[in-house]
Amino acid sequence: MNRTTKNRFSSGMTDEDWFNQGKSDAWAGRPKVPPEQDAQAASMYDLGYSEGEITHPPTELK
């Protein structure tokens, strides 16, 4: 497990962190992987992922 993955699933993440992680995963084209043990965090992740699918990453060239 690399450092990014380990940090990503640590319990110290806020709702905003989960929302941003979901959006980032959508922008990067990664599969949706919400946390399984925390329903609130999973909801925030799903919300961010959904928003990320309909918006473009800030670094994307047009």
Protein backbone atom coordinates (compact mmCIF):
# COMPACT_ATOMS: atom_id res chain seq x y z
CA MET A 1 0.00 0.00 0.00
CA ASN A 2 1.55 3.30 -1.00
CA ARG A 3 1.54 6.37 1.22
CA THR A 4 -1.25 8.13 -0.69
CA THR A 5 -3.61 5.17 -0.40
CA LYS A 6 -2.82 4.71 3.28
CA ASN A 7 -3.47 8.40 4.06
CA ARG A 8 -6.61 8.43 1.96
CA PHE A 9 -8.34 5.83 4.07
CA SER A 10 -7.30 7.12 7.46
CA SER A 11 -10.15 8.19 9.70
CA GLY A 12 -8.83 11.74 10.18
CA MET A 13 -10.46 12.99 6.98
CA THR A 14 -13.21 15.61 7.19
CA ASP A 15 -16.40 15.67 5.12
CA GLU A 16 -14.76 18.26 2.88
CA ASP A 17 -11.72 16.01 2.45
CA TRP A 18 -13.95 13.13 1.33
CA PHE A 19 -15.89 15.42 -1.03
CA ASN A 20 -12.63 16.65 -2.59
CA GLN A 21 -11.25 13.11 -2.82
CA GLY A 22 -14.35 11.96 -4.69
CA LYS A 23 -14.10 14.88 -7.10
CA SER A 24 -10.39 14.26 -7.62
CA ASP A 25 -10.98 10.55 -8.34
CA ALA A 26 -13.65 11.42 -10.92
CA TRP A 27 -11.35 13.96 -12.61
CA ALA A 28 -8.54 11.40 -12.74
CA GLY A 29 -10.83 8.74 -14.21
CA ARG A 30 -10.35 6.43 -11.23
CA PRO A 31 -13.16 4.07 -10.21
CA LYS A 32 -15.50 5.23 -7.46
CA VAL A 33 -14.32 3.77 -4.14
CA PRO A 34 -16.20 5.35 -1.23
CA PRO A 35 -15.24 4.35 2.32
CA GLU A 36 -17.21 1.31 3.44
CA GLN A 37 -17.17 1.83 7.20
CA ASP A 38 -18.45 5.42 7.38
CA ALA A 39 -21.81 6.24 5.79
CA GLN A 40 -21.36 10.03 6.14
CA ALA A 41 -17.92 9.94 4.52
CA ALA A 42 -19.24 7.67 1.76
CA SER A 43 -22.08 10.11 1.08
CA MET A 44 -19.67 13.05 0.84
CA TYR A 45 -17.34 11.05 -1.42
CA ASP A 46 -20.25 10.10 -3.73
CA LEU A 47 -21.38 13.71 -3.88
CA GLY A 48 -17.89 14.88 -4.81
CA TYR A 49 -17.49 12.10 -7.37
CA SER A 50 -20.78 13.04 -9.01
CA GLU A 51 -19.78 16.69 -9.19
CA GLY A 52 -16.37 15.74 -10.56
CA GLU A 53 -18.00 13.78 -13.37
CA ILE A 54 -19.91 16.85 -14.60
CA THR A 55 -17.16 19.44 -14.12
CA HIS A 56 -13.66 19.63 -15.51
CA PRO A 57 -10.48 19.53 -13.47
CA PRO A 58 -8.93 22.96 -12.91
CA THR A 59 -5.80 21.87 -14.78
CA GLU A 60 -7.58 20.64 -17.90
CA LEU A 61 -6.72 22.53 -21.07
CA LYS A 62 -9.61 23.59 -23.25
